[in-house]
Amino acid sequence: MRIPEPVQVSSYSGSKGEETPRAFRSTSTGRLLVAQVLERWYQEGMQREFKEYFRVLASDGETYTLYRDSSLDLWFLEKIRS
């Protein structure tokens, strides 16, 4: 299992205030643009933490899973899929 890596995310906040990632930067990937959001889902934990997941196609042609942990107000890169 891969340990989630903290990432910096540039996002778009729509009319409902929902954030959608537009670009991200990490030590392992550098800066990448989000070409397409492929999937979005939510997970609620036992300690009332809330995670919002995004499977995205990035500008390098790879698929990444990013999530925002609302209790920490931080974004993470969970996995990379070729």
N, C-alpha and C. Protein backbone atom coordinates (compact mmCIF):
# COMPACT_ATOMS: atom_id res chain seq x y z
N MET A 1 0.84 -1.18 0.00
CA MET A 1 0.00 0.00 0.00
C MET A 1 0.89 1.24 0.00
N ARG A 2 0.57 2.16 -0.82
CA ARG A 2 1.33 3.40 -0.95
C ARG A 2 0.88 4.41 0.10
N ILE A 3 1.83 5.08 0.73
CA ILE A 3 1.52 6.11 1.71
C ILE A 3 1.13 7.38 0.96
N PRO A 4 -0.01 7.99 1.31
CA PRO A 4 -0.43 9.22 0.63
C PRO A 4 0.63 10.32 0.74
N GLU A 5 0.85 11.01 -0.37
CA GLU A 5 1.84 12.08 -0.43
C GLU A 5 1.13 13.43 -0.44
N PRO A 6 1.54 14.36 0.42
CA PRO A 6 0.93 15.69 0.39
C PRO A 6 1.18 16.37 -0.96
N VAL A 7 0.17 17.06 -1.47
CA VAL A 7 0.31 17.78 -2.74
C VAL A 7 -0.29 19.17 -2.61
N GLN A 8 0.20 20.07 -3.45
CA GLN A 8 -0.39 21.40 -3.57
C GLN A 8 -1.35 21.33 -4.74
N VAL A 9 -2.57 21.79 -4.53
CA VAL A 9 -3.60 21.70 -5.57
C VAL A 9 -4.14 23.10 -5.88
N SER A 10 -4.20 23.41 -7.17
CA SER A 10 -4.92 24.60 -7.64
C SER A 10 -6.30 24.10 -8.04
N SER A 11 -7.32 24.73 -7.50
CA SER A 11 -8.66 24.22 -7.76
C SER A 11 -9.59 25.33 -8.21
N TYR A 12 -10.72 24.88 -8.75
CA TYR A 12 -11.79 25.77 -9.18
C TYR A 12 -12.95 25.55 -8.22
N SER A 13 -13.50 26.62 -7.70
CA SER A 13 -14.65 26.52 -6.83
C SER A 13 -15.87 26.98 -7.62
N GLY A 14 -16.77 26.05 -7.87
CA GLY A 14 -17.97 26.33 -8.65
C GLY A 14 -19.01 27.11 -7.86
N SER A 15 -20.17 27.26 -8.43
CA SER A 15 -21.24 28.05 -7.81
C SER A 15 -21.72 27.45 -6.49
N LYS A 16 -21.54 26.15 -6.30
CA LYS A 16 -21.94 25.49 -5.06
C LYS A 16 -20.80 25.48 -4.04
N GLY A 17 -19.65 26.07 -4.39
CA GLY A 17 -18.52 26.09 -3.48
C GLY A 17 -17.70 24.81 -3.48
N GLU A 18 -18.04 23.88 -4.35
CA GLU A 18 -17.32 22.61 -4.43
C GLU A 18 -16.01 22.81 -5.18
N GLU A 19 -14.92 22.36 -4.59
CA GLU A 19 -13.62 22.51 -5.21
C GLU A 19 -13.34 21.35 -6.16
N THR A 20 -12.84 21.68 -7.34
CA THR A 20 -12.44 20.68 -8.32
C THR A 20 -10.99 20.97 -8.71
N PRO A 21 -10.11 19.97 -8.61
CA PRO A 21 -8.70 20.22 -8.92
C PRO A 21 -8.49 20.56 -10.39
N ARG A 22 -7.65 21.56 -10.64
CA ARG A 22 -7.28 21.97 -12.00
C ARG A 22 -5.81 21.69 -12.30
N ALA A 23 -4.98 21.66 -11.25
CA ALA A 23 -3.55 21.36 -11.38
C ALA A 23 -3.06 20.92 -10.01
N PHE A 24 -1.94 20.16 -9.99
CA PHE A 24 -1.36 19.76 -8.72
C PHE A 24 0.15 19.63 -8.86
N ARG A 25 0.81 19.73 -7.70
CA ARG A 25 2.28 19.67 -7.65
C ARG A 25 2.68 18.80 -6.46
N SER A 26 3.60 17.87 -6.73
CA SER A 26 4.18 17.07 -5.65
C SER A 26 5.66 16.85 -5.94
N THR A 27 6.36 16.34 -4.96
CA THR A 27 7.78 16.06 -5.18
C THR A 27 7.98 14.94 -6.19
N SER A 28 7.06 13.99 -6.24
CA SER A 28 7.23 12.86 -7.17
C SER A 28 6.76 13.17 -8.59
N THR A 29 5.85 14.12 -8.77
CA THR A 29 5.30 14.38 -10.11
C THR A 29 5.72 15.71 -10.71
N GLY A 30 6.12 16.67 -9.87
CA GLY A 30 6.29 18.04 -10.37
C GLY A 30 4.90 18.63 -10.56
N ARG A 31 4.79 19.68 -11.38
CA ARG A 31 3.48 20.32 -11.61
C ARG A 31 2.81 19.69 -12.81
N LEU A 32 1.56 19.30 -12.63
CA LEU A 32 0.76 18.70 -13.71
C LEU A 32 -0.60 19.37 -13.78
N LEU A 33 -1.10 19.53 -14.98
CA LEU A 33 -2.45 20.04 -15.18
C LEU A 33 -3.42 18.87 -15.16
N VAL A 34 -4.64 19.12 -14.69
CA VAL A 34 -5.69 18.10 -14.74
C VAL A 34 -6.40 18.26 -16.08
N ALA A 35 -6.24 17.26 -16.95
CA ALA A 35 -6.87 17.29 -18.27
C ALA A 35 -8.36 16.94 -18.16
N GLN A 36 -8.68 16.02 -17.22
CA GLN A 36 -10.07 15.59 -17.08
C GLN A 36 -10.28 14.96 -15.71
N VAL A 37 -11.40 15.27 -15.07
CA VAL A 37 -11.81 14.57 -13.85
C VAL A 37 -12.60 13.35 -14.31
N LEU A 38 -12.09 12.17 -14.01
CA LEU A 38 -12.72 10.93 -14.46
C LEU A 38 -13.79 10.42 -13.50
N GLU A 39 -13.56 10.67 -12.21
CA GLU A 39 -14.48 10.15 -11.20
C GLU A 39 -14.33 10.99 -9.94
N ARG A 40 -15.41 11.07 -9.18
CA ARG A 40 -15.41 11.82 -7.92
C ARG A 40 -16.27 11.05 -6.92
N TRP A 41 -15.77 10.91 -5.68
CA TRP A 41 -16.55 10.24 -4.65
C TRP A 41 -16.14 10.76 -3.28
N TYR A 42 -16.93 10.39 -2.28
CA TYR A 42 -16.74 10.89 -0.92
C TYR A 42 -16.62 9.72 0.04
N GLN A 43 -15.90 9.95 1.14
CA GLN A 43 -15.77 8.94 2.18
C GLN A 43 -15.80 9.65 3.53
N GLU A 44 -16.64 9.15 4.41
CA GLU A 44 -16.73 9.72 5.76
C GLU A 44 -16.14 8.72 6.73
N GLY A 45 -15.29 9.20 7.63
CA GLY A 45 -14.63 8.32 8.59
C GLY A 45 -15.35 8.28 9.93
N MET A 46 -14.80 7.49 10.84
CA MET A 46 -15.41 7.30 12.15
C MET A 46 -15.23 8.51 13.06
N GLN A 47 -14.22 9.31 12.85
CA GLN A 47 -13.96 10.49 13.68
C GLN A 47 -14.52 11.76 13.03
N ARG A 48 -15.52 11.61 12.19
CA ARG A 48 -16.17 12.71 11.47
C ARG A 48 -15.26 13.37 10.45
N GLU A 49 -14.17 12.70 10.11
CA GLU A 49 -13.36 13.25 9.03
C GLU A 49 -14.05 12.93 7.71
N PHE A 50 -13.83 13.78 6.76
CA PHE A 50 -14.52 13.68 5.48
C PHE A 50 -13.46 13.82 4.39
N LYS A 51 -13.44 12.87 3.48
CA LYS A 51 -12.48 12.91 2.38
C LYS A 51 -13.23 12.96 1.05
N GLU A 52 -12.77 13.84 0.19
CA GLU A 52 -13.35 13.98 -1.14
C GLU A 52 -12.29 13.52 -2.15
N TYR A 53 -12.59 12.47 -2.89
CA TYR A 53 -11.64 11.86 -3.82
C TYR A 53 -11.92 12.28 -5.26
N PHE A 54 -10.84 12.36 -6.04
CA PHE A 54 -10.92 12.65 -7.46
C PHE A 54 -9.96 11.73 -8.20
N ARG A 55 -10.45 10.99 -9.16
CA ARG A 55 -9.57 10.25 -10.08
C ARG A 55 -9.45 11.15 -11.30
N VAL A 56 -8.22 11.53 -11.63
CA VAL A 56 -8.01 12.51 -12.70
C VAL A 56 -7.03 11.98 -13.74
N LEU A 57 -7.23 12.44 -14.96
CA LEU A 57 -6.28 12.23 -16.04
C LEU A 57 -5.44 13.50 -16.11
N ALA A 58 -4.13 13.35 -15.96
CA ALA A 58 -3.24 14.52 -15.91
C ALA A 58 -2.60 14.77 -17.27
N SER A 59 -1.94 15.91 -17.37
CA SER A 59 -1.32 16.33 -18.63
C SER A 59 -0.17 15.42 -19.07
N ASP A 60 0.33 14.56 -18.19
CA ASP A 60 1.37 13.60 -18.58
C ASP A 60 0.80 12.28 -19.10
N GLY A 61 -0.55 12.20 -19.18
CA GLY A 61 -1.21 11.00 -19.69
C GLY A 61 -1.46 9.93 -18.64
N GLU A 62 -1.04 10.17 -17.40
CA GLU A 62 -1.23 9.20 -16.31
C GLU A 62 -2.53 9.52 -15.56
N THR A 63 -3.05 8.51 -14.86
CA THR A 63 -4.24 8.66 -14.04
C THR A 63 -3.81 8.69 -12.57
N TYR A 64 -4.29 9.69 -11.85
CA TYR A 64 -3.93 9.88 -10.44
C TYR A 64 -5.19 9.92 -9.59
N THR A 65 -5.07 9.49 -8.34
CA THR A 65 -6.15 9.65 -7.37
C THR A 65 -5.69 10.67 -6.34
N LEU A 66 -6.42 11.77 -6.28
CA LEU A 66 -6.16 12.84 -5.32
C LEU A 66 -7.31 12.87 -4.32
N TYR A 67 -7.02 13.27 -3.09
CA TYR A 67 -8.14 13.51 -2.17
C TYR A 67 -7.84 14.68 -1.26
N ARG A 68 -8.92 15.31 -0.82
CA ARG A 68 -8.85 16.42 0.13
C ARG A 68 -9.41 15.94 1.46
N ASP A 69 -8.59 16.02 2.50
CA ASP A 69 -9.01 15.65 3.85
C ASP A 69 -9.55 16.91 4.52
N SER A 70 -10.85 16.96 4.74
CA SER A 70 -11.48 18.18 5.28
C SER A 70 -11.07 18.45 6.72
N SER A 71 -10.75 17.43 7.49
CA SER A 71 -10.36 17.66 8.89
C SER A 71 -9.00 18.33 8.97
N LEU A 72 -8.14 18.09 7.99
CA LEU A 72 -6.81 18.70 7.95
C LEU A 72 -6.75 19.88 6.99
N ASP A 73 -7.74 19.97 6.11
CA ASP A 73 -7.77 20.95 5.03
C ASP A 73 -6.50 20.86 4.18
N LEU A 74 -6.16 19.61 3.85
CA LEU A 74 -4.98 19.32 3.02
C LEU A 74 -5.34 18.35 1.91
N TRP A 75 -4.58 18.43 0.81
CA TRP A 75 -4.74 17.53 -0.32
C TRP A 75 -3.62 16.50 -0.31
N PHE A 76 -3.94 15.29 -0.82
CA PHE A 76 -2.97 14.20 -0.88
C PHE A 76 -3.07 13.48 -2.23
N LEU A 77 -1.95 12.94 -2.66
CA LEU A 77 -1.89 12.07 -3.83
C LEU A 77 -1.87 10.66 -3.29
N GLU A 78 -2.90 9.87 -3.61
CA GLU A 78 -2.99 8.53 -3.06
C GLU A 78 -2.32 7.49 -3.94
N LYS A 79 -2.62 7.50 -5.23
CA LYS A 79 -1.98 6.51 -6.09
C LYS A 79 -1.92 6.98 -7.53
N ILE A 80 -1.04 6.34 -8.25
CA ILE A 80 -0.82 6.63 -9.67
C ILE A 80 -1.11 5.35 -10.44
N ARG A 81 -1.85 5.49 -11.51
CA ARG A 81 -2.15 4.31 -12.33
C ARG A 81 -1.81 4.65 -13.78
N SER A 82 -0.99 3.83 -14.40
CA SER A 82 -0.62 4.05 -15.81
C SER A 82 -1.71 3.57 -16.72
